[in-house]
Amino acid sequence: MERIFSKSTLREFWEIHADSEQYLKTWYNTAMDAVWKTPNDVKQTYSSASILRDSRVVFNIKGNAYRLVAKINYEKQWIFVRFIGTHDEYDKIDANTI
């Protein structure tokens, strides 16, 4: 069952930013295997993650070179990738609404 929507977004990003590929693959595999029932569960796996409102979480990728914003449906165990970008690109969005 697909739990993360959408891996193609990650793939398209790492095709442009090759240095992010292994980090995004690691994040993807970790998230696929995780059972995150609450934001605290996410923090136990990724202590540097930022918990936002409306079930959004910001993950630091490659030592904070990149940011990934995901919306998590904890009940259904679905993760929606809402944004992946450089730190500068992240600064131009509203992670609470994207």
N, C-alpha and C. Protein backbone atom coordinates (compact mmCIF):
# COMPACT_ATOMS: atom_id res chain seq x y z
N MET A 1 0.83 -1.18 0.00
CA MET A 1 0.00 0.00 0.00
C MET A 1 0.88 1.25 0.00
N GLU A 2 0.53 2.17 -0.82
CA GLU A 2 1.27 3.45 -0.89
C GLU A 2 0.94 4.27 0.34
N ARG A 3 1.95 4.69 1.04
CA ARG A 3 1.75 5.51 2.24
C ARG A 3 2.25 6.92 2.05
N ILE A 4 3.18 7.09 1.13
CA ILE A 4 3.76 8.41 0.92
C ILE A 4 3.39 8.89 -0.47
N PHE A 5 2.80 10.05 -0.51
CA PHE A 5 2.36 10.65 -1.77
C PHE A 5 3.16 11.93 -1.96
N SER A 6 4.04 12.09 -2.84
CA SER A 6 4.31 11.16 -3.90
C SER A 6 5.82 11.03 -4.05
N LYS A 7 6.28 9.80 -4.23
CA LYS A 7 7.71 9.56 -4.38
C LYS A 7 8.24 10.24 -5.64
N SER A 8 7.41 10.38 -6.65
CA SER A 8 7.87 11.01 -7.89
C SER A 8 8.32 12.45 -7.64
N THR A 9 7.69 13.13 -6.69
CA THR A 9 8.10 14.49 -6.33
C THR A 9 9.53 14.46 -5.79
N LEU A 10 9.83 13.49 -4.96
CA LEU A 10 11.19 13.35 -4.42
C LEU A 10 12.18 13.03 -5.53
N ARG A 11 11.79 12.10 -6.41
CA ARG A 11 12.67 11.70 -7.51
C ARG A 11 12.98 12.89 -8.43
N GLU A 12 11.97 13.65 -8.76
CA GLU A 12 12.18 14.82 -9.62
C GLU A 12 13.14 15.81 -8.95
N PHE A 13 13.04 15.94 -7.64
CA PHE A 13 13.92 16.87 -6.92
C PHE A 13 15.35 16.37 -6.95
N TRP A 14 15.58 15.07 -6.65
CA TRP A 14 16.95 14.59 -6.60
C TRP A 14 17.58 14.47 -7.99
N GLU A 15 16.77 14.44 -9.03
CA GLU A 15 17.34 14.47 -10.38
C GLU A 15 17.95 15.84 -10.67
N ILE A 16 17.44 16.88 -10.03
CA ILE A 16 18.00 18.23 -10.17
C ILE A 16 19.09 18.47 -9.14
N HIS A 17 18.86 17.99 -7.91
CA HIS A 17 19.80 18.17 -6.79
C HIS A 17 20.34 16.80 -6.41
N ALA A 18 21.32 16.32 -7.17
CA ALA A 18 21.82 14.96 -7.02
C ALA A 18 22.35 14.68 -5.61
N ASP A 19 22.86 15.71 -4.95
CA ASP A 19 23.42 15.50 -3.61
C ASP A 19 22.35 15.18 -2.57
N SER A 20 21.08 15.34 -2.92
CA SER A 20 19.99 15.04 -1.99
C SER A 20 19.46 13.61 -2.13
N GLU A 21 19.86 12.91 -3.17
CA GLU A 21 19.23 11.62 -3.48
C GLU A 21 19.29 10.63 -2.33
N GLN A 22 20.46 10.34 -1.81
CA GLN A 22 20.57 9.33 -0.75
C GLN A 22 19.83 9.78 0.51
N TYR A 23 19.86 11.06 0.81
CA TYR A 23 19.18 11.58 1.99
C TYR A 23 17.66 11.43 1.85
N LEU A 24 17.15 11.74 0.66
CA LEU A 24 15.71 11.61 0.44
C LEU A 24 15.28 10.14 0.41
N LYS A 25 16.10 9.28 -0.15
CA LYS A 25 15.78 7.85 -0.13
C LYS A 25 15.76 7.32 1.30
N THR A 26 16.70 7.78 2.11
CA THR A 26 16.73 7.36 3.52
C THR A 26 15.48 7.86 4.24
N TRP A 27 15.12 9.13 4.01
CA TRP A 27 13.91 9.68 4.63
C TRP A 27 12.69 8.86 4.19
N TYR A 28 12.58 8.60 2.90
CA TYR A 28 11.45 7.86 2.35
C TYR A 28 11.34 6.48 3.01
N ASN A 29 12.44 5.75 3.06
CA ASN A 29 12.41 4.40 3.63
C ASN A 29 12.08 4.43 5.12
N THR A 30 12.63 5.41 5.83
CA THR A 30 12.33 5.54 7.25
C THR A 30 10.86 5.86 7.46
N ALA A 31 10.33 6.79 6.68
CA ALA A 31 8.92 7.17 6.81
C ALA A 31 7.99 6.02 6.42
N MET A 32 8.37 5.26 5.42
CA MET A 32 7.54 4.12 5.00
C MET A 32 7.44 3.08 6.12
N ASP A 33 8.51 2.89 6.86
CA ASP A 33 8.54 1.88 7.92
C ASP A 33 7.99 2.39 9.24
N ALA A 34 7.86 3.70 9.38
CA ALA A 34 7.46 4.29 10.66
C ALA A 34 5.98 4.11 10.92
N VAL A 35 5.65 4.06 12.20
CA VAL A 35 4.26 4.10 12.64
C VAL A 35 4.15 5.33 13.52
N TRP A 36 3.84 6.44 12.86
CA TRP A 36 3.71 7.71 13.56
C TRP A 36 2.24 7.96 13.86
N LYS A 37 1.88 7.84 15.12
CA LYS A 37 0.50 8.06 15.56
C LYS A 37 0.27 9.48 16.05
N THR A 38 1.36 10.16 16.41
CA THR A 38 1.28 11.52 16.93
C THR A 38 2.52 12.30 16.48
N PRO A 39 2.48 13.61 16.57
CA PRO A 39 3.69 14.39 16.26
C PRO A 39 4.88 14.00 17.16
N ASN A 40 4.60 13.60 18.40
CA ASN A 40 5.69 13.17 19.28
C ASN A 40 6.42 11.94 18.73
N ASP A 41 5.68 11.06 18.05
CA ASP A 41 6.30 9.89 17.43
C ASP A 41 7.28 10.32 16.34
N VAL A 42 6.88 11.34 15.58
CA VAL A 42 7.77 11.87 14.53
C VAL A 42 9.04 12.42 15.17
N LYS A 43 8.88 13.17 16.26
CA LYS A 43 10.03 13.77 16.95
C LYS A 43 10.97 12.70 17.52
N GLN A 44 10.43 11.56 17.90
CA GLN A 44 11.28 10.48 18.39
C GLN A 44 12.17 9.93 17.28
N THR A 45 11.66 9.94 16.06
CA THR A 45 12.44 9.47 14.92
C THR A 45 13.34 10.58 14.39
N TYR A 46 12.81 11.78 14.27
CA TYR A 46 13.53 12.93 13.73
C TYR A 46 13.45 14.08 14.73
N SER A 47 14.41 14.12 15.63
CA SER A 47 14.36 15.14 16.70
C SER A 47 14.45 16.56 16.16
N SER A 48 15.03 16.73 14.96
CA SER A 48 15.16 18.07 14.40
C SER A 48 13.93 18.50 13.60
N ALA A 49 12.95 17.62 13.46
CA ALA A 49 11.73 17.98 12.71
C ALA A 49 10.98 19.08 13.45
N SER A 50 10.37 19.95 12.67
CA SER A 50 9.54 21.02 13.24
C SER A 50 8.08 20.66 13.05
N ILE A 51 7.34 20.64 14.13
CA ILE A 51 5.92 20.31 14.09
C ILE A 51 5.14 21.60 13.91
N LEU A 52 4.34 21.66 12.86
CA LEU A 52 3.53 22.83 12.56
C LEU A 52 2.06 22.49 12.78
N ARG A 53 1.20 23.48 12.54
CA ARG A 53 -0.24 23.23 12.69
C ARG A 53 -0.76 22.42 11.49
N ASP A 54 -1.98 21.95 11.64
CA ASP A 54 -2.66 21.21 10.58
C ASP A 54 -1.89 19.98 10.12
N SER A 55 -1.28 19.29 11.09
CA SER A 55 -0.58 18.02 10.85
C SER A 55 0.60 18.14 9.88
N ARG A 56 1.18 19.31 9.79
CA ARG A 56 2.35 19.50 8.93
C ARG A 56 3.63 19.37 9.74
N VAL A 57 4.64 18.81 9.07
CA VAL A 57 5.95 18.61 9.69
C VAL A 57 7.01 19.05 8.70
N VAL A 58 8.01 19.77 9.19
CA VAL A 58 9.15 20.17 8.37
C VAL A 58 10.33 19.29 8.74
N PHE A 59 10.87 18.60 7.74
CA PHE A 59 12.04 17.74 7.94
C PHE A 59 13.25 18.43 7.32
N ASN A 60 14.36 18.39 8.05
CA ASN A 60 15.63 18.89 7.52
C ASN A 60 16.30 17.75 6.77
N ILE A 61 16.65 18.01 5.53
CA ILE A 61 17.26 17.00 4.68
C ILE A 61 18.71 17.43 4.39
N LYS A 62 19.61 16.50 4.50
CA LYS A 62 21.04 16.74 4.25
C LYS A 62 21.56 17.89 5.11
N GLY A 63 21.42 17.71 6.42
CA GLY A 63 21.96 18.69 7.34
C GLY A 63 21.36 20.07 7.17
N ASN A 64 20.09 20.12 6.85
CA ASN A 64 19.34 21.36 6.69
C ASN A 64 19.66 22.10 5.39
N ALA A 65 20.32 21.43 4.45
CA ALA A 65 20.54 22.03 3.13
C ALA A 65 19.21 22.12 2.38
N TYR A 66 18.33 21.17 2.65
CA TYR A 66 17.03 21.11 2.01
C TYR A 66 15.96 20.95 3.07
N ARG A 67 14.75 21.36 2.72
CA ARG A 67 13.61 21.22 3.63
C ARG A 67 12.50 20.45 2.92
N LEU A 68 11.88 19.57 3.65
CA LEU A 68 10.75 18.80 3.14
C LEU A 68 9.57 19.06 4.08
N VAL A 69 8.47 19.52 3.51
CA VAL A 69 7.25 19.74 4.28
C VAL A 69 6.27 18.63 3.93
N ALA A 70 5.81 17.94 4.96
CA ALA A 70 4.85 16.86 4.76
C ALA A 70 3.62 17.12 5.61
N LYS A 71 2.49 16.69 5.09
CA LYS A 71 1.25 16.69 5.87
C LYS A 71 0.96 15.23 6.19
N ILE A 72 0.78 14.95 7.46
CA ILE A 72 0.63 13.56 7.89
C ILE A 72 -0.79 13.32 8.39
N ASN A 73 -1.40 12.27 7.84
CA ASN A 73 -2.67 11.79 8.36
C ASN A 73 -2.31 10.65 9.30
N TYR A 74 -2.26 10.95 10.59
CA TYR A 74 -1.81 9.98 11.57
C TYR A 74 -2.74 8.78 11.67
N GLU A 75 -4.04 9.00 11.51
CA GLU A 75 -5.00 7.91 11.61
C GLU A 75 -4.83 6.89 10.48
N LYS A 76 -4.69 7.39 9.25
CA LYS A 76 -4.58 6.50 8.10
C LYS A 76 -3.14 6.15 7.75
N GLN A 77 -2.19 6.80 8.44
CA GLN A 77 -0.77 6.56 8.18
C GLN A 77 -0.37 6.96 6.77
N TRP A 78 -0.90 8.08 6.31
CA TRP A 78 -0.56 8.63 5.00
C TRP A 78 0.33 9.84 5.18
N ILE A 79 1.28 9.99 4.29
CA ILE A 79 2.18 11.14 4.32
C ILE A 79 2.13 11.80 2.95
N PHE A 80 1.76 13.06 2.95
CA PHE A 80 1.66 13.82 1.71
C PHE A 80 2.83 14.81 1.65
N VAL A 81 3.70 14.64 0.67
CA VAL A 81 4.80 15.57 0.49
C VAL A 81 4.21 16.83 -0.13
N ARG A 82 4.30 17.93 0.61
CA ARG A 82 3.71 19.19 0.16
C ARG A 82 4.75 20.11 -0.47
N PHE A 83 6.03 19.91 -0.09
CA PHE A 83 7.09 20.78 -0.59
C PHE A 83 8.43 20.10 -0.34
N ILE A 84 9.33 20.26 -1.29
CA ILE A 84 10.74 19.91 -1.09
C ILE A 84 11.53 20.99 -1.82
N GLY A 85 12.50 21.55 -1.14
CA GLY A 85 13.27 22.62 -1.77
C GLY A 85 14.49 23.01 -0.96
N THR A 86 15.22 23.94 -1.52
CA THR A 86 16.40 24.46 -0.82
C THR A 86 15.92 25.31 0.36
N HIS A 87 16.86 25.64 1.20
CA HIS A 87 16.53 26.49 2.35
C HIS A 87 15.99 27.84 1.88
N ASP A 88 16.60 28.41 0.83
CA ASP A 88 16.12 29.69 0.30
C ASP A 88 14.70 29.58 -0.26
N GLU A 89 14.42 28.48 -0.97
CA GLU A 89 13.08 28.28 -1.51
C GLU A 89 12.07 28.11 -0.38
N TYR A 90 12.48 27.41 0.66
CA TYR A 90 11.60 27.21 1.81
C TYR A 90 11.23 28.55 2.47
N ASP A 91 12.20 29.44 2.53
CA ASP A 91 11.95 30.74 3.15
C ASP A 91 10.89 31.56 2.41
N LYS A 92 10.58 31.20 1.18
CA LYS A 92 9.61 31.93 0.36
C LYS A 92 8.20 31.36 0.42
N ILE A 93 8.03 30.27 1.15
CA ILE A 93 6.70 29.65 1.23
C ILE A 93 6.15 29.78 2.65
N ASP A 94 4.88 29.50 2.80
CA ASP A 94 4.27 29.40 4.12
C ASP A 94 4.03 27.92 4.38
N ALA A 95 4.89 27.32 5.17
CA ALA A 95 4.82 25.88 5.42
C ALA A 95 3.53 25.48 6.12
N ASN A 96 2.86 26.43 6.76
CA ASN A 96 1.61 26.11 7.44
C ASN A 96 0.43 25.97 6.48
N THR A 97 0.58 26.47 5.26
CA THR A 97 -0.56 26.43 4.34
C THR A 97 -0.27 25.73 3.03
N ILE A 98 0.97 25.45 2.74
CA ILE A 98 1.32 24.85 1.44
C ILE A 98 0.74 23.44 1.33
